[in-house]
Amino acid sequence: MADTAGTANTTDATVTIRPVRLADAVILNQHCWPERSCEDVLEFLQRTHKLTQNRRGVGVVALCMGALCGFGMLTLWPRAAEISDLIVSPDFRSQGIGSRIIAYLAQYAAHLNVQTLEIGVALSNPRALALYRRLGFVDGRVIELDLGHGPEPVLYLYQNLG
């Protein structure tokens, strides 16, 4: 479990979750966000780093047998904490890595005394929706967001932590 500075790692037999580093940008670009430029990924990680410095959240990566294979971010908002930008490299999907990232971020949020955790999912992504429900998140509101390919409905699910 991470402390409030986000410096600790958590390890499960083959999966390690640790805070993201700016040096992770190239590998994240190659394995998780190939459609983005490396500069865009680095800029995103710089914003994530600033969020951590300001104690408003944390970005983490998953490593499977030493290979960087996923990313997730937790942002603290006034009424809830939000898990966002969750991604697992296609070669590592369906191995529980997304679940491990979510569990880590939920523990991090609980450690910060967050009462409500939320996560959004495009309704066009039924696998992610099924995962979030399986992990105990319940349906909330639907809003239209542009996730890069034009507006689409996004369901926000919630989980009470406290």
N, C-alpha and C. Protein backbone atom coordinates (compact mmCIF):
# COMPACT_ATOMS: atom_id res chain seq x y z
N MET A 1 0.85 -1.18 0.00
CA MET A 1 0.00 0.00 0.00
C MET A 1 0.88 1.23 0.00
N ALA A 2 0.46 2.23 -0.70
CA ALA A 2 1.24 3.47 -0.78
C ALA A 2 0.96 4.34 0.42
N ASP A 3 1.95 5.11 0.80
CA ASP A 3 1.70 6.13 1.80
C ASP A 3 1.18 7.36 1.08
N THR A 4 0.88 8.42 1.83
CA THR A 4 0.28 9.59 1.19
C THR A 4 1.21 10.26 0.20
N ALA A 5 2.48 9.99 0.26
CA ALA A 5 3.40 10.55 -0.72
C ALA A 5 3.50 9.66 -1.96
N GLY A 6 2.88 8.47 -1.90
CA GLY A 6 2.87 7.57 -3.04
C GLY A 6 4.23 6.96 -3.35
N THR A 7 5.00 6.66 -2.32
CA THR A 7 6.34 6.18 -2.56
C THR A 7 6.50 4.68 -2.40
N ALA A 8 5.58 4.01 -1.76
CA ALA A 8 5.73 2.57 -1.53
C ALA A 8 5.25 1.77 -2.74
N ASN A 9 5.71 0.55 -2.82
CA ASN A 9 5.29 -0.37 -3.87
C ASN A 9 4.42 -1.45 -3.24
N THR A 10 3.61 -2.10 -4.05
CA THR A 10 2.90 -3.28 -3.61
C THR A 10 3.19 -4.38 -4.61
N THR A 11 3.37 -5.59 -4.15
CA THR A 11 3.72 -6.68 -5.04
C THR A 11 2.81 -7.87 -4.78
N ASP A 12 2.35 -8.47 -5.84
CA ASP A 12 1.59 -9.72 -5.80
C ASP A 12 2.36 -10.63 -6.73
N ALA A 13 2.71 -11.80 -6.31
CA ALA A 13 3.55 -12.77 -7.02
C ALA A 13 4.21 -12.24 -8.30
N THR A 14 3.44 -11.91 -9.31
CA THR A 14 4.04 -11.49 -10.56
C THR A 14 3.73 -10.04 -10.94
N VAL A 15 2.91 -9.34 -10.15
CA VAL A 15 2.53 -7.96 -10.48
C VAL A 15 3.02 -7.02 -9.40
N THR A 16 3.72 -5.98 -9.82
CA THR A 16 4.16 -4.93 -8.91
C THR A 16 3.48 -3.64 -9.32
N ILE A 17 2.96 -2.92 -8.34
CA ILE A 17 2.36 -1.60 -8.58
C ILE A 17 3.27 -0.59 -7.90
N ARG A 18 3.66 0.43 -8.65
CA ARG A 18 4.51 1.48 -8.09
C ARG A 18 4.11 2.83 -8.68
N PRO A 19 4.48 3.92 -8.01
CA PRO A 19 4.20 5.25 -8.58
C PRO A 19 4.86 5.40 -9.95
N VAL A 20 4.17 6.07 -10.84
CA VAL A 20 4.70 6.31 -12.18
C VAL A 20 5.89 7.26 -12.10
N ARG A 21 6.81 7.09 -13.01
CA ARG A 21 7.98 7.96 -13.13
C ARG A 21 7.96 8.60 -14.52
N LEU A 22 8.52 9.77 -14.63
CA LEU A 22 8.59 10.42 -15.93
C LEU A 22 9.33 9.54 -16.94
N ALA A 23 10.30 8.79 -16.47
CA ALA A 23 11.07 7.90 -17.34
C ALA A 23 10.22 6.77 -17.93
N ASP A 24 9.00 6.57 -17.42
CA ASP A 24 8.11 5.53 -17.93
C ASP A 24 7.41 5.95 -19.22
N ALA A 25 7.55 7.20 -19.61
CA ALA A 25 6.78 7.74 -20.74
C ALA A 25 6.98 6.95 -22.02
N VAL A 26 8.20 6.63 -22.37
CA VAL A 26 8.47 5.94 -23.64
C VAL A 26 7.82 4.56 -23.66
N ILE A 27 7.96 3.80 -22.58
CA ILE A 27 7.38 2.46 -22.54
C ILE A 27 5.85 2.52 -22.52
N LEU A 28 5.29 3.45 -21.74
CA LEU A 28 3.83 3.61 -21.73
C LEU A 28 3.33 3.99 -23.12
N ASN A 29 4.08 4.84 -23.80
CA ASN A 29 3.70 5.23 -25.16
C ASN A 29 3.70 4.01 -26.07
N GLN A 30 4.73 3.19 -25.99
CA GLN A 30 4.85 2.02 -26.86
C GLN A 30 3.81 0.96 -26.57
N HIS A 31 3.55 0.68 -25.28
CA HIS A 31 2.74 -0.48 -24.92
C HIS A 31 1.30 -0.17 -24.55
N CYS A 32 1.01 1.06 -24.13
CA CYS A 32 -0.34 1.38 -23.67
C CYS A 32 -1.03 2.45 -24.53
N TRP A 33 -0.28 3.44 -24.97
CA TRP A 33 -0.86 4.55 -25.73
C TRP A 33 -0.12 4.78 -27.03
N PRO A 34 -0.05 3.79 -27.92
CA PRO A 34 0.70 3.98 -29.18
C PRO A 34 0.06 5.02 -30.10
N GLU A 35 -1.22 5.32 -29.88
CA GLU A 35 -1.89 6.31 -30.72
C GLU A 35 -1.53 7.75 -30.34
N ARG A 36 -0.89 7.92 -29.19
CA ARG A 36 -0.46 9.23 -28.73
C ARG A 36 1.01 9.43 -29.08
N SER A 37 1.41 10.69 -29.18
CA SER A 37 2.84 10.96 -29.37
C SER A 37 3.55 10.78 -28.03
N CYS A 38 4.84 10.50 -28.09
CA CYS A 38 5.62 10.35 -26.86
C CYS A 38 5.61 11.66 -26.08
N GLU A 39 5.62 12.79 -26.78
CA GLU A 39 5.58 14.10 -26.12
C GLU A 39 4.28 14.28 -25.34
N ASP A 40 3.16 13.82 -25.92
CA ASP A 40 1.86 13.92 -25.23
C ASP A 40 1.84 13.05 -23.97
N VAL A 41 2.42 11.86 -24.06
CA VAL A 41 2.47 10.96 -22.91
C VAL A 41 3.34 11.58 -21.82
N LEU A 42 4.48 12.13 -22.20
CA LEU A 42 5.36 12.76 -21.22
C LEU A 42 4.66 13.95 -20.56
N GLU A 43 3.97 14.76 -21.33
CA GLU A 43 3.23 15.90 -20.78
C GLU A 43 2.16 15.42 -19.79
N PHE A 44 1.46 14.34 -20.14
CA PHE A 44 0.46 13.77 -19.25
C PHE A 44 1.10 13.30 -17.95
N LEU A 45 2.25 12.64 -18.03
CA LEU A 45 2.93 12.17 -16.82
C LEU A 45 3.45 13.34 -15.99
N GLN A 46 3.85 14.42 -16.62
CA GLN A 46 4.27 15.62 -15.88
C GLN A 46 3.09 16.19 -15.09
N ARG A 47 1.90 16.22 -15.70
CA ARG A 47 0.70 16.68 -14.98
C ARG A 47 0.37 15.73 -13.84
N THR A 48 0.53 14.44 -14.08
CA THR A 48 0.29 13.44 -13.03
C THR A 48 1.26 13.63 -11.88
N HIS A 49 2.52 13.88 -12.19
CA HIS A 49 3.55 14.11 -11.17
C HIS A 49 3.19 15.35 -10.34
N LYS A 50 2.73 16.39 -10.99
CA LYS A 50 2.34 17.61 -10.28
C LYS A 50 1.15 17.34 -9.35
N LEU A 51 0.21 16.53 -9.81
CA LEU A 51 -0.93 16.13 -9.00
C LEU A 51 -0.46 15.43 -7.72
N THR A 52 0.53 14.55 -7.86
CA THR A 52 1.08 13.84 -6.71
C THR A 52 1.80 14.81 -5.77
N GLN A 53 2.59 15.71 -6.34
CA GLN A 53 3.31 16.69 -5.52
C GLN A 53 2.36 17.55 -4.70
N ASN A 54 1.20 17.87 -5.30
CA ASN A 54 0.21 18.71 -4.62
C ASN A 54 -0.72 17.90 -3.73
N ARG A 55 -0.44 16.61 -3.58
CA ARG A 55 -1.24 15.70 -2.75
C ARG A 55 -2.72 15.69 -3.15
N ARG A 56 -2.94 15.74 -4.46
CA ARG A 56 -4.29 15.70 -5.01
C ARG A 56 -4.54 14.39 -5.75
N GLY A 57 -3.58 13.46 -5.68
CA GLY A 57 -3.77 12.19 -6.34
C GLY A 57 -2.45 11.48 -6.56
N VAL A 58 -2.51 10.44 -7.39
CA VAL A 58 -1.32 9.65 -7.69
C VAL A 58 -1.55 8.90 -9.00
N GLY A 59 -0.47 8.73 -9.73
CA GLY A 59 -0.48 7.88 -10.91
C GLY A 59 0.41 6.69 -10.62
N VAL A 60 -0.01 5.50 -11.04
CA VAL A 60 0.77 4.29 -10.79
C VAL A 60 0.90 3.48 -12.07
N VAL A 61 1.94 2.66 -12.09
CA VAL A 61 2.12 1.71 -13.18
C VAL A 61 2.13 0.31 -12.61
N ALA A 62 1.77 -0.63 -13.45
CA ALA A 62 1.84 -2.05 -13.11
C ALA A 62 2.99 -2.65 -13.91
N LEU A 63 3.74 -3.50 -13.24
CA LEU A 63 4.80 -4.25 -13.89
C LEU A 63 4.50 -5.73 -13.69
N CYS A 64 4.51 -6.46 -14.78
CA CYS A 64 4.26 -7.90 -14.74
C CYS A 64 5.56 -8.59 -15.11
N MET A 65 6.12 -9.31 -14.14
CA MET A 65 7.41 -9.96 -14.32
C MET A 65 8.46 -8.96 -14.83
N GLY A 66 8.39 -7.74 -14.31
CA GLY A 66 9.34 -6.70 -14.65
C GLY A 66 8.99 -5.85 -15.85
N ALA A 67 8.00 -6.25 -16.64
CA ALA A 67 7.61 -5.50 -17.84
C ALA A 67 6.49 -4.52 -17.49
N LEU A 68 6.69 -3.26 -17.84
CA LEU A 68 5.67 -2.25 -17.59
C LEU A 68 4.46 -2.56 -18.47
N CYS A 69 3.29 -2.74 -17.84
CA CYS A 69 2.15 -3.24 -18.60
C CYS A 69 0.84 -2.51 -18.32
N GLY A 70 0.83 -1.50 -17.44
CA GLY A 70 -0.43 -0.83 -17.18
C GLY A 70 -0.24 0.48 -16.44
N PHE A 71 -1.31 1.26 -16.41
CA PHE A 71 -1.30 2.57 -15.76
C PHE A 71 -2.69 2.84 -15.20
N GLY A 72 -2.73 3.56 -14.10
CA GLY A 72 -3.99 4.06 -13.54
C GLY A 72 -3.70 5.31 -12.72
N MET A 73 -4.71 6.14 -12.59
CA MET A 73 -4.54 7.39 -11.86
C MET A 73 -5.71 7.59 -10.90
N LEU A 74 -5.39 8.16 -9.75
CA LEU A 74 -6.40 8.53 -8.76
C LEU A 74 -6.31 10.04 -8.58
N THR A 75 -7.46 10.72 -8.71
CA THR A 75 -7.52 12.16 -8.50
C THR A 75 -8.50 12.45 -7.38
N LEU A 76 -8.11 13.29 -6.45
CA LEU A 76 -8.99 13.68 -5.36
C LEU A 76 -9.79 14.91 -5.76
N TRP A 77 -11.10 14.79 -5.67
CA TRP A 77 -12.03 15.89 -5.94
C TRP A 77 -12.74 16.22 -4.63
N PRO A 78 -13.43 17.34 -4.56
CA PRO A 78 -14.09 17.69 -3.28
C PRO A 78 -15.09 16.66 -2.77
N ARG A 79 -15.85 16.01 -3.67
CA ARG A 79 -16.89 15.10 -3.20
C ARG A 79 -16.52 13.62 -3.31
N ALA A 80 -15.43 13.31 -4.03
CA ALA A 80 -15.06 11.91 -4.24
C ALA A 80 -13.64 11.85 -4.79
N ALA A 81 -13.12 10.64 -4.86
CA ALA A 81 -11.87 10.39 -5.58
C ALA A 81 -12.24 9.63 -6.84
N GLU A 82 -11.52 9.91 -7.91
CA GLU A 82 -11.83 9.29 -9.20
C GLU A 82 -10.64 8.50 -9.72
N ILE A 83 -10.90 7.26 -10.11
CA ILE A 83 -9.91 6.47 -10.83
C ILE A 83 -10.12 6.77 -12.31
N SER A 84 -9.02 7.11 -12.99
CA SER A 84 -9.14 7.43 -14.42
C SER A 84 -7.92 6.93 -15.18
N ASP A 85 -8.02 7.01 -16.48
CA ASP A 85 -6.93 6.68 -17.38
C ASP A 85 -6.37 5.28 -17.15
N LEU A 86 -7.24 4.38 -16.69
CA LEU A 86 -6.83 2.99 -16.46
C LEU A 86 -6.62 2.32 -17.81
N ILE A 87 -5.44 1.74 -17.97
CA ILE A 87 -5.14 1.03 -19.21
C ILE A 87 -4.16 -0.11 -18.91
N VAL A 88 -4.39 -1.23 -19.58
CA VAL A 88 -3.47 -2.36 -19.52
C VAL A 88 -3.09 -2.70 -20.95
N SER A 89 -1.81 -2.90 -21.17
CA SER A 89 -1.30 -3.25 -22.49
C SER A 89 -2.07 -4.46 -23.02
N PRO A 90 -2.45 -4.44 -24.30
CA PRO A 90 -3.23 -5.56 -24.85
C PRO A 90 -2.62 -6.94 -24.58
N ASP A 91 -1.30 -7.06 -24.59
CA ASP A 91 -0.66 -8.36 -24.36
C ASP A 91 -0.84 -8.87 -22.94
N PHE A 92 -1.27 -8.01 -22.01
CA PHE A 92 -1.37 -8.38 -20.60
C PHE A 92 -2.81 -8.35 -20.08
N ARG A 93 -3.78 -8.13 -20.95
CA ARG A 93 -5.17 -8.06 -20.50
C ARG A 93 -5.70 -9.42 -20.08
N SER A 94 -6.75 -9.39 -19.26
CA SER A 94 -7.41 -10.60 -18.75
C SER A 94 -6.50 -11.43 -17.86
N GLN A 95 -5.57 -10.77 -17.17
CA GLN A 95 -4.68 -11.44 -16.23
C GLN A 95 -4.80 -10.86 -14.82
N GLY A 96 -5.82 -10.01 -14.59
CA GLY A 96 -6.03 -9.44 -13.27
C GLY A 96 -5.24 -8.18 -12.99
N ILE A 97 -4.54 -7.65 -13.97
CA ILE A 97 -3.70 -6.48 -13.74
C ILE A 97 -4.54 -5.23 -13.51
N GLY A 98 -5.58 -5.04 -14.30
CA GLY A 98 -6.48 -3.91 -14.09
C GLY A 98 -7.11 -3.96 -12.70
N SER A 99 -7.49 -5.15 -12.27
CA SER A 99 -8.06 -5.32 -10.92
C SER A 99 -7.05 -4.95 -9.85
N ARG A 100 -5.78 -5.32 -10.05
CA ARG A 100 -4.72 -4.98 -9.08
C ARG A 100 -4.50 -3.47 -9.01
N ILE A 101 -4.52 -2.80 -10.17
CA ILE A 101 -4.35 -1.35 -10.18
C ILE A 101 -5.51 -0.69 -9.44
N ILE A 102 -6.72 -1.13 -9.72
CA ILE A 102 -7.90 -0.57 -9.06
C ILE A 102 -7.83 -0.80 -7.56
N ALA A 103 -7.48 -2.02 -7.14
CA ALA A 103 -7.38 -2.32 -5.71
C ALA A 103 -6.34 -1.43 -5.03
N TYR A 104 -5.22 -1.24 -5.68
CA TYR A 104 -4.16 -0.39 -5.12
C TYR A 104 -4.67 1.05 -4.95
N LEU A 105 -5.30 1.57 -6.00
CA LEU A 105 -5.79 2.95 -5.93
C LEU A 105 -6.93 3.10 -4.92
N ALA A 106 -7.76 2.07 -4.78
CA ALA A 106 -8.83 2.11 -3.77
C ALA A 106 -8.24 2.11 -2.36
N GLN A 107 -7.19 1.31 -2.13
CA GLN A 107 -6.52 1.32 -0.82
C GLN A 107 -5.87 2.68 -0.56
N TYR A 108 -5.28 3.24 -1.58
CA TYR A 108 -4.66 4.56 -1.46
C TYR A 108 -5.72 5.59 -1.06
N ALA A 109 -6.87 5.56 -1.74
CA ALA A 109 -7.96 6.49 -1.43
C ALA A 109 -8.48 6.27 -0.01
N ALA A 110 -8.65 5.03 0.40
CA ALA A 110 -9.13 4.74 1.76
C ALA A 110 -8.14 5.25 2.79
N HIS A 111 -6.84 5.12 2.50
CA HIS A 111 -5.80 5.62 3.40
C HIS A 111 -5.90 7.14 3.58
N LEU A 112 -6.41 7.82 2.56
CA LEU A 112 -6.60 9.27 2.62
C LEU A 112 -7.98 9.65 3.16
N ASN A 113 -8.70 8.67 3.70
CA ASN A 113 -10.04 8.87 4.28
C ASN A 113 -11.08 9.34 3.27
N VAL A 114 -10.91 8.93 2.02
CA VAL A 114 -11.90 9.21 0.99
C VAL A 114 -13.13 8.35 1.28
N GLN A 115 -14.30 8.93 1.19
CA GLN A 115 -15.53 8.19 1.45
C GLN A 115 -16.10 7.54 0.19
N THR A 116 -15.97 8.21 -0.96
CA THR A 116 -16.58 7.72 -2.19
C THR A 116 -15.53 7.67 -3.30
N LEU A 117 -15.50 6.54 -3.99
CA LEU A 117 -14.59 6.33 -5.11
C LEU A 117 -15.44 6.17 -6.36
N GLU A 118 -15.04 6.82 -7.44
CA GLU A 118 -15.79 6.69 -8.69
C GLU A 118 -14.86 6.32 -9.82
N ILE A 119 -15.45 5.71 -10.84
CA ILE A 119 -14.70 5.33 -12.03
C ILE A 119 -15.66 5.42 -13.21
N GLY A 120 -15.19 5.98 -14.30
CA GLY A 120 -16.02 6.12 -15.49
C GLY A 120 -15.66 5.09 -16.54
N VAL A 121 -16.65 4.72 -17.33
CA VAL A 121 -16.43 3.76 -18.40
C VAL A 121 -17.32 4.10 -19.59
N ALA A 122 -16.73 4.11 -20.76
CA ALA A 122 -17.52 4.29 -21.97
C ALA A 122 -18.46 3.10 -22.09
N LEU A 123 -19.71 3.37 -22.40
CA LEU A 123 -20.67 2.26 -22.52
C LEU A 123 -20.33 1.35 -23.69
N SER A 124 -19.43 1.79 -24.56
CA SER A 124 -18.96 0.95 -25.66
C SER A 124 -17.88 -0.04 -25.21
N ASN A 125 -17.57 -0.05 -23.89
CA ASN A 125 -16.53 -0.94 -23.35
C ASN A 125 -17.16 -1.90 -22.32
N PRO A 126 -17.90 -2.91 -22.79
CA PRO A 126 -18.60 -3.80 -21.86
C PRO A 126 -17.69 -4.63 -20.96
N ARG A 127 -16.48 -4.95 -21.41
CA ARG A 127 -15.55 -5.73 -20.56
C ARG A 127 -15.14 -4.92 -19.34
N ALA A 128 -14.81 -3.64 -19.53
CA ALA A 128 -14.43 -2.80 -18.39
C ALA A 128 -15.63 -2.61 -17.47
N LEU A 129 -16.81 -2.39 -18.04
CA LEU A 129 -18.02 -2.21 -17.24
C LEU A 129 -18.26 -3.44 -16.37
N ALA A 130 -18.14 -4.62 -16.95
CA ALA A 130 -18.34 -5.86 -16.18
C ALA A 130 -17.30 -5.98 -15.07
N LEU A 131 -16.05 -5.61 -15.34
CA LEU A 131 -15.01 -5.66 -14.33
C LEU A 131 -15.35 -4.74 -13.17
N TYR A 132 -15.71 -3.51 -13.45
CA TYR A 132 -15.99 -2.54 -12.38
C TYR A 132 -17.16 -3.00 -11.52
N ARG A 133 -18.18 -3.55 -12.14
CA ARG A 133 -19.31 -4.07 -11.37
C ARG A 133 -18.87 -5.26 -10.52
N ARG A 134 -18.05 -6.13 -11.09
CA ARG A 134 -17.54 -7.29 -10.35
C ARG A 134 -16.72 -6.86 -9.14
N LEU A 135 -16.05 -5.71 -9.24
CA LEU A 135 -15.24 -5.20 -8.14
C LEU A 135 -16.05 -4.40 -7.12
N GLY A 136 -17.38 -4.36 -7.29
CA GLY A 136 -18.24 -3.73 -6.30
C GLY A 136 -18.67 -2.32 -6.59
N PHE A 137 -18.36 -1.80 -7.76
CA PHE A 137 -18.83 -0.47 -8.13
C PHE A 137 -20.29 -0.58 -8.58
N VAL A 138 -21.08 0.43 -8.25
CA VAL A 138 -22.49 0.45 -8.65
C VAL A 138 -22.74 1.61 -9.60
N ASP A 139 -23.70 1.40 -10.49
CA ASP A 139 -24.01 2.40 -11.51
C ASP A 139 -24.43 3.73 -10.89
N GLY A 140 -23.98 4.80 -11.53
CA GLY A 140 -24.36 6.15 -11.13
C GLY A 140 -24.93 6.89 -12.32
N ARG A 141 -24.31 7.99 -12.66
CA ARG A 141 -24.83 8.86 -13.71
C ARG A 141 -24.16 8.55 -15.06
N VAL A 142 -24.86 8.91 -16.14
CA VAL A 142 -24.32 8.79 -17.49
C VAL A 142 -24.18 10.20 -18.05
N ILE A 143 -23.01 10.50 -18.59
CA ILE A 143 -22.79 11.79 -19.24
C ILE A 143 -22.13 11.55 -20.59
N GLU A 144 -22.27 12.51 -21.48
CA GLU A 144 -21.62 12.44 -22.79
C GLU A 144 -20.24 13.09 -22.67
N LEU A 145 -19.21 12.36 -23.07
CA LEU A 145 -17.85 12.88 -23.07
C LEU A 145 -17.18 12.54 -24.39
N ASP A 146 -16.24 13.39 -24.79
CA ASP A 146 -15.43 13.09 -25.96
C ASP A 146 -14.14 12.44 -25.47
N LEU A 147 -14.01 11.16 -25.69
CA LEU A 147 -12.84 10.40 -25.25
C LEU A 147 -11.80 10.27 -26.36
N GLY A 148 -11.94 11.11 -27.38
CA GLY A 148 -10.97 11.11 -28.46
C GLY A 148 -11.53 10.74 -29.81
N HIS A 149 -12.77 10.23 -29.81
CA HIS A 149 -13.39 9.82 -31.08
C HIS A 149 -14.78 10.41 -31.22
N GLY A 150 -15.01 11.58 -30.62
CA GLY A 150 -16.33 12.19 -30.63
C GLY A 150 -17.10 11.86 -29.37
N PRO A 151 -18.18 12.58 -29.12
CA PRO A 151 -18.97 12.36 -27.90
C PRO A 151 -19.55 10.95 -27.84
N GLU A 152 -19.50 10.39 -26.64
CA GLU A 152 -20.12 9.08 -26.40
C GLU A 152 -20.58 9.01 -24.95
N PRO A 153 -21.57 8.16 -24.66
CA PRO A 153 -22.05 8.05 -23.28
C PRO A 153 -21.03 7.35 -22.38
N VAL A 154 -20.78 7.96 -21.22
CA VAL A 154 -19.87 7.41 -20.22
C VAL A 154 -20.64 7.24 -18.92
N LEU A 155 -20.60 6.03 -18.38
CA LEU A 155 -21.26 5.72 -17.12
C LEU A 155 -20.24 5.88 -16.00
N TYR A 156 -20.62 6.65 -14.99
CA TYR A 156 -19.80 6.75 -13.78
C TYR A 156 -20.37 5.81 -12.75
N LEU A 157 -19.50 4.94 -12.23
CA LEU A 157 -19.87 3.99 -11.19
C LEU A 157 -19.23 4.44 -9.89
N TYR A 158 -19.83 4.04 -8.76
CA TYR A 158 -19.37 4.48 -7.45
C TYR A 158 -19.16 3.31 -6.52
N GLN A 159 -18.31 3.55 -5.54
CA GLN A 159 -18.09 2.57 -4.48
C GLN A 159 -17.86 3.36 -3.19
N ASN A 160 -18.59 3.00 -2.13
CA ASN A 160 -18.38 3.65 -0.83
C ASN A 160 -17.22 2.96 -0.13
N LEU A 161 -16.29 3.77 0.36
CA LEU A 161 -15.11 3.24 1.05
C LEU A 161 -15.21 3.34 2.56
N GLY A 162 -16.08 4.23 3.02
CA GLY A 162 -16.11 4.43 4.47
C GLY A 162 -17.45 4.39 5.09
